[in-house]
Protein backbone atom coordinates (compact mmCIF):
# COMPACT_ATOMS: atom_id res chain seq x y z
CA MET A 1 93.19 120.53 55.96
CA THR A 2 90.61 123.12 57.19
CA LEU A 3 92.49 124.80 60.79
CA LEU A 4 88.55 123.09 62.70
CA LEU A 5 89.56 120.22 61.73
CA LEU A 6 92.93 120.08 62.76
CA LEU A 7 91.96 121.43 66.49
CA LEU A 8 89.85 118.72 65.81
CA MET A 9 92.15 116.03 65.59
CA SER A 10 94.22 116.82 68.53
CA PRO A 11 95.27 114.95 70.32
CA SER A 12 95.45 117.50 73.62
CA LEU A 13 91.42 117.94 72.99
CA ALA A 14 89.87 114.60 72.07
CA ALA A 15 87.83 113.45 74.41
CA ALA A 16 88.57 111.61 77.88
CA PRO A 17 86.93 108.04 78.95
CA PRO A 18 84.92 108.02 81.22
CA HIS A 19 87.03 106.88 84.09
CA PRO A 20 86.20 103.00 84.77
CA LEU A 21 85.12 103.11 88.05
CA LEU A 22 82.48 105.72 87.63
CA ASP A 23 78.81 104.90 88.99
CA THR A 24 79.82 101.12 89.52
CA LEU A 25 79.10 99.72 92.73
CA TRP A 26 81.49 96.95 94.69
CA GLU A 27 81.50 94.99 98.04
CA GLY A 28 84.53 95.28 99.41
CA ALA A 29 85.19 91.49 100.98
CA SER A 30 84.82 90.19 98.48
CA ARG A 31 86.37 93.17 95.27
CA GLN A 32 83.33 92.06 93.03
CA PRO A 33 81.45 94.23 91.37
CA LEU A 34 77.79 94.40 92.60
CA VAL A 35 74.31 95.37 91.19
CA GLN A 36 71.87 98.20 92.35
CA ALA A 37 69.17 95.48 92.95
CA HIS A 38 71.74 93.36 94.59
CA LEU A 39 72.89 95.68 97.72
CA GLN A 40 69.01 96.73 97.63
CA GLN A 41 68.58 93.30 98.75
CA ARG A 42 71.28 93.22 101.32
CA VAL A 43 70.16 97.58 102.49
CA LEU A 44 66.25 95.58 103.05
CA GLU A 45 67.75 92.80 105.66
CA SER A 46 69.77 95.09 107.34
CA ARG A 47 69.19 95.99 110.79
CA TRP A 48 71.59 99.04 110.89
CA ILE A 49 72.11 101.12 107.10
CA LEU A 50 75.06 103.32 107.37
CA LEU A 51 75.74 105.85 104.68
CA GLY A 52 78.38 106.53 104.59
CA GLU A 53 78.95 110.47 102.23
CA VAL A 54 80.90 112.81 101.19
CA HIS A 55 79.56 116.23 102.49
CA GLY A 56 77.25 118.06 100.34
CA ASN A 57 77.88 115.77 97.13
CA PRO A 58 74.44 116.44 95.29
CA VAL A 59 74.94 112.90 94.36
CA HIS A 60 75.65 110.90 97.40
CA HIS A 61 72.97 113.20 99.12
CA ALA A 62 70.62 111.52 96.49
CA ARG A 63 71.37 108.10 96.24
CA GLN A 64 71.01 108.23 100.25
CA LEU A 65 66.72 108.80 99.90
CA GLU A 66 66.57 106.79 97.07
CA VAL A 67 68.01 103.82 99.67
CA LEU A 68 65.66 105.78 102.55
CA GLN A 69 62.43 104.95 98.94
CA TRP A 70 63.92 101.21 99.35
CA LEU A 71 62.81 100.55 102.65
CA ARG A 72 58.84 102.24 102.13
CA ALA A 73 58.21 100.43 99.05
CA SER A 74 58.63 97.37 100.98
CA GLY A 75 56.85 98.52 103.48
CA GLN A 76 59.49 98.78 106.13
CA THR A 77 59.34 102.56 108.07
CA PRO A 78 63.09 102.90 109.34
CA THR A 79 64.97 105.38 112.27
CA VAL A 80 67.10 108.24 110.47
CA ALA A 81 69.18 109.39 112.27
CA PHE A 82 71.77 111.98 110.47
CA GLU A 83 75.05 112.96 112.54
CA ILE A 84 74.31 117.08 111.50
CA PHE A 85 72.06 116.72 114.21
CA ASP A 86 73.78 116.26 118.08
CA GLN A 87 71.94 115.18 120.89
CA THR A 88 71.05 118.21 122.70
CA ASP A 89 68.63 119.42 119.55
CA GLN A 90 67.42 115.27 119.87
CA ALA A 91 64.44 117.89 122.20
CA ALA A 92 63.70 120.83 120.24
CA MET A 93 63.24 118.99 117.12
CA THR A 94 60.75 116.45 118.94
CA GLN A 95 59.41 119.62 119.56
CA PHE A 96 58.82 120.45 116.29
CA ILE A 97 57.71 117.72 114.78
CA GLU A 98 54.65 117.14 116.94
CA THR A 99 53.32 121.32 116.66
CA GLY A 100 52.89 119.75 112.93
CA SER A 101 54.36 121.92 110.77
CA GLY A 102 56.02 119.48 108.11
CA ASP A 103 59.13 122.15 106.96
CA ALA A 104 62.00 121.05 106.58
CA ALA A 105 63.80 125.14 106.15
CA ALA A 106 62.16 125.90 109.19
CA LEU A 107 63.64 123.03 110.79
CA GLY A 108 67.29 123.73 110.11
CA GLN A 109 66.82 127.55 110.47
CA GLN A 110 65.06 126.57 113.76
CA LEU A 111 68.10 124.69 114.53
CA ASP A 112 70.50 127.46 113.65
CA MET A 113 72.21 124.81 111.48
CA GLU A 114 73.83 126.92 108.53
CA ALA A 115 75.64 129.53 111.37
CA ARG A 116 77.09 125.66 112.88
CA GLY A 117 78.69 124.55 109.53
CA TRP A 118 76.76 122.50 107.75
CA PRO A 119 75.41 122.67 104.66
CA PHE A 120 71.55 122.45 105.31
CA ALA A 121 70.57 122.67 101.60
CA SER A 122 72.30 119.59 100.54
CA TYR A 123 70.25 117.51 103.62
CA GLN A 124 67.06 119.78 103.46
CA PRO A 125 65.32 117.23 100.44
CA LEU A 126 66.35 113.49 102.79
CA VAL A 127 64.73 116.47 105.94
CA GLN A 128 61.67 116.41 104.13
CA TYR A 129 61.12 112.73 103.07
CA ALA A 130 61.59 111.90 106.43
CA LEU A 131 58.70 114.61 107.69
CA ASP A 132 56.22 113.47 105.63
CA GLU A 133 56.84 110.00 105.52
CA GLY A 134 56.38 110.76 108.88
CA LEU A 135 59.45 108.89 109.66
CA PRO A 136 61.13 108.81 113.75
CA ILE A 137 64.18 111.61 113.07
CA LEU A 138 67.09 111.18 115.17
CA ALA A 139 69.84 113.17 116.76
CA VAL A 140 72.66 111.35 116.75
CA ASN A 141 75.57 113.31 117.42
CA LEU A 142 77.32 114.13 120.26
CA SER A 143 77.61 118.18 119.93
CA ARG A 144 80.75 120.20 120.30
CA ALA A 145 80.86 121.02 123.74
CA GLN A 146 80.73 117.50 124.44
CA ALA A 147 83.94 116.98 122.07
CA GLN A 148 86.18 119.12 122.85
CA ARG A 149 85.35 117.79 127.01
CA VAL A 150 86.51 114.68 125.20
CA ALA A 151 89.50 115.78 124.10
CA ARG A 152 90.77 117.24 126.71
CA GLU A 153 89.85 115.60 129.60
CA GLY A 154 89.77 112.07 127.81
CA PRO A 155 86.64 109.44 128.62
CA ASP A 156 85.70 110.87 131.34
CA GLY A 157 84.27 114.25 129.94
CA LEU A 158 81.55 111.90 128.71
CA GLU A 159 78.47 112.58 130.20
CA SER A 160 76.79 109.78 129.02
CA VAL A 161 77.52 106.51 131.76
CA PRO A 162 77.38 103.92 128.62
CA VAL A 163 79.44 105.77 126.04
CA ARG A 164 81.80 105.86 128.31
CA GLN A 165 81.94 102.05 129.04
CA LEU A 166 81.76 101.80 125.05
CA LEU A 167 84.67 103.65 124.50
CA GLN A 168 86.85 102.09 127.63
CA GLN A 169 85.52 98.51 127.20
CA HIS A 170 86.52 98.53 123.49
CA PRO A 171 89.97 100.19 122.44
CA LEU A 172 90.85 99.55 119.27
CA ALA A 173 94.28 97.64 117.97
CA THR A 174 97.39 99.51 117.97
CA GLU A 175 97.90 98.92 114.31
CA VAL A 176 93.86 100.46 113.12
CA GLN A 177 94.97 103.04 116.47
CA GLU A 178 97.13 103.61 113.97
CA ALA A 179 95.59 103.96 111.49
CA LEU A 180 93.24 106.85 112.36
CA TYR A 181 96.22 108.94 114.02
CA ALA A 182 97.04 109.27 110.52
CA HIS A 183 94.06 110.06 109.39
CA ILE A 184 93.63 112.83 112.04
CA PHE A 185 97.11 114.23 110.76
CA ALA A 186 95.97 114.32 106.91
CA ALA A 187 92.70 115.06 107.41
CA HIS A 188 94.13 118.51 108.74
CA CYS A 189 96.36 118.80 106.19
CA GLU A 190 99.39 117.71 107.76
CA TYR A 191 99.54 121.21 110.24
CA LEU A 192 97.48 120.02 113.62
CA PRO A 193 101.00 119.56 116.41
CA LYS A 194 101.50 115.36 116.09
CA ALA A 195 101.26 115.71 119.77
CA HIS A 196 97.93 116.73 119.87
CA VAL A 197 96.55 114.41 117.45
CA PRO A 198 95.22 111.46 120.27
CA ALA A 199 93.79 113.81 121.78
CA VAL A 200 91.22 114.94 118.49
CA ALA A 201 91.31 111.16 117.67
CA LEU A 202 90.17 110.36 120.73
CA ALA A 203 87.06 112.72 120.25
CA GLN A 204 86.47 111.44 117.30
CA GLN A 205 86.89 107.63 118.84
CA ALA A 206 83.64 109.22 121.33
CA ARG A 207 81.71 110.49 118.53
CA ASP A 208 81.38 107.33 116.96
CA ALA A 209 81.14 106.03 119.36
CA THR A 210 77.77 107.98 120.64
CA ILE A 211 76.02 107.34 117.18
CA ALA A 212 76.26 104.01 117.11
CA TRP A 213 74.98 103.36 121.46
CA PHE A 214 72.43 106.34 119.64
CA LEU A 215 72.15 103.68 116.87
CA GLN A 216 72.25 100.49 118.89
CA GLN A 217 68.74 101.97 121.40
CA ALA A 218 66.36 103.27 118.54
CA SER A 219 65.87 99.84 116.35
CA SER A 220 64.15 98.15 118.70
CA SER A 221 61.38 99.85 116.42
CA GLY A 222 62.68 98.72 113.04
CA PRO A 223 65.72 99.88 110.67
CA VAL A 224 67.72 102.49 110.71
CA VAL A 225 69.78 105.01 108.93
CA LEU A 226 72.64 106.52 109.41
CA ILE A 227 72.82 109.72 107.13
CA SER A 228 76.64 110.64 107.76
CA GLY A 229 80.33 111.57 106.89
CA ALA A 230 82.25 108.76 105.32
CA GLY A 231 84.71 108.63 108.06
CA HIS A 232 81.82 107.80 110.09
CA VAL A 233 81.08 104.71 108.95
CA ARG A 234 84.25 102.86 108.42
CA LYS A 235 84.73 99.11 109.34
CA ASP A 236 87.59 99.89 111.36
CA TYR A 237 87.51 102.69 113.28
CA GLY A 238 83.92 104.06 113.02
CA VAL A 239 80.62 103.18 113.60
CA PRO A 240 80.59 99.51 112.59
CA PHE A 241 83.13 98.40 115.41
CA TYR A 242 81.00 99.51 118.07
CA LEU A 243 78.24 99.18 116.34
CA GLN A 244 79.02 94.67 117.04
CA ALA A 245 80.29 95.69 120.28
CA LEU A 246 76.82 96.43 121.36
CA ASP A 247 75.26 93.85 119.13
CA PRO A 248 77.61 91.04 117.57
CA GLU A 249 74.98 88.76 116.24
CA HIS A 250 73.32 91.62 114.57
CA ALA A 251 76.67 92.80 111.48
CA PRO A 252 75.44 97.04 109.96
CA LEU A 253 75.59 97.03 106.40
CA SER A 254 78.45 99.75 105.96
CA VAL A 255 77.64 101.46 102.80
CA GLY A 256 80.39 104.33 100.96
CA PHE A 257 79.80 106.84 98.54
CA ILE A 258 83.49 107.68 96.84
CA GLU A 259 84.36 109.74 95.06
CA ILE A 260 85.99 109.18 91.90
CA HIS A 261 90.28 110.64 91.65
CA SER A 262 91.34 110.98 88.50
CA GLU A 263 94.97 109.24 89.63
CA ARG A 264 93.31 106.27 91.27
CA SER A 265 91.57 103.89 87.75
CA THR A 266 90.98 100.53 90.25
CA LEU A 267 89.12 99.69 92.91
CA GLU A 268 92.79 98.14 95.16
CA ALA A 269 93.48 101.98 95.48
CA TYR A 270 90.11 102.82 97.28
CA LEU A 271 90.51 99.54 99.62
CA HIS A 272 93.24 101.69 102.88
CA GLY A 273 92.78 100.91 106.08
CA PRO A 274 94.67 98.20 108.23
CA GLU A 275 91.28 94.85 108.09
CA GLY A 276 90.81 95.06 104.48
CA ALA A 277 87.72 97.26 102.71
CA PRO A 278 86.13 99.84 105.33
CA TYR A 279 83.19 99.52 103.47
CA ASP A 280 80.88 96.62 103.14
CA VAL A 281 79.76 98.68 100.20
CA LEU A 282 81.58 101.68 97.80
CA TRP A 283 79.20 102.75 95.27
CA PHE A 284 81.77 105.28 93.40
CA SER A 285 80.68 109.24 91.91
CA ALA A 286 81.44 111.91 89.76
CA ARG A 287 83.70 114.79 92.65
CA THR A 288 82.57 117.51 93.89
CA SER A 289 84.83 118.44 96.60
CA PRO A 290 88.34 119.28 95.19
CA GLU A 291 90.84 116.78 94.03
CA ASP A 292 93.11 118.11 97.34
CA PRO A 293 91.61 120.17 99.40
CA CYS A 294 95.34 120.66 101.77
CA VAL A 295 96.21 123.41 97.74
CA ALA A 296 94.03 125.94 99.19
CA PHE A 297 94.86 125.59 103.16
CA ARG A 298 97.79 126.04 102.29
CA GLU A 299 97.35 129.08 100.08
CA GLN A 300 95.60 130.46 102.53
CA LEU A 301 98.15 130.18 104.72
CA GLU A 302 100.69 131.08 102.52
CA GLN A 303 98.56 134.94 101.74
CA MET A 304 98.15 134.80 106.19
CA ARG A 305 102.47 134.78 106.83
CA GLY A 306 102.48 136.93 103.50
CA GLU A 307 100.09 139.67 105.01
């Protein structure tokens, strides 16, 4: 037997089986598989379509664009709301659009998006599509300065009275609040002092309440699609929680784009949350981010300590 044949027969070199959840769709509540045609129908019937990505994952952004195309093909004119744009961007963005410039790259440069830490190149096709189709573009995020002020001062740090009232009048249930604290602590690789977690979590809640308020205001003219990180579209403590408080009669559609993990092969492994599935729909994709981003963070921290 030749060496090449032996190598080809070696178990260590055999192709790994595909991940069982790769490119599959699941209904969160029933935990049943979902065909794309059924998701499309739900999108076309919804007032708010919340599309939660992993920032910069090209598959997630391509699927967000596909959802916008479904709506346009049906004759609808959705408002496209972006987390990457905060309230302070709206005036400049509106003025840019009114000048007739249809270049998304120029808009990103004008707003200095890359310097602000956003991978704008990943979002550019979505912004360009909205510009080409004449879709309203909405800046919905709380500004960084406002979020920092909320972290320092509490809800009184919010300039918007309606958002402040929304945040104060609809507190999270205790178990949901604890889940949010745990998420914030884990997202900071367990290096954030626990005494600071409530302030950071409150700033996150203020962002979600702000986004929800702007989405609710925009929905009078047709469907609204939110392009944001998956954490913001969680049903237990994200934007859907505050949207339901604002309009109990219309439930938003929350779609979480989920990167597969090599050690999580069942749907149940992704259904974290004190109130069950965190999304109405889970749509799985290949992973482009590290499975454990804290490994690189800890390595950098150790290098800094060693210098």
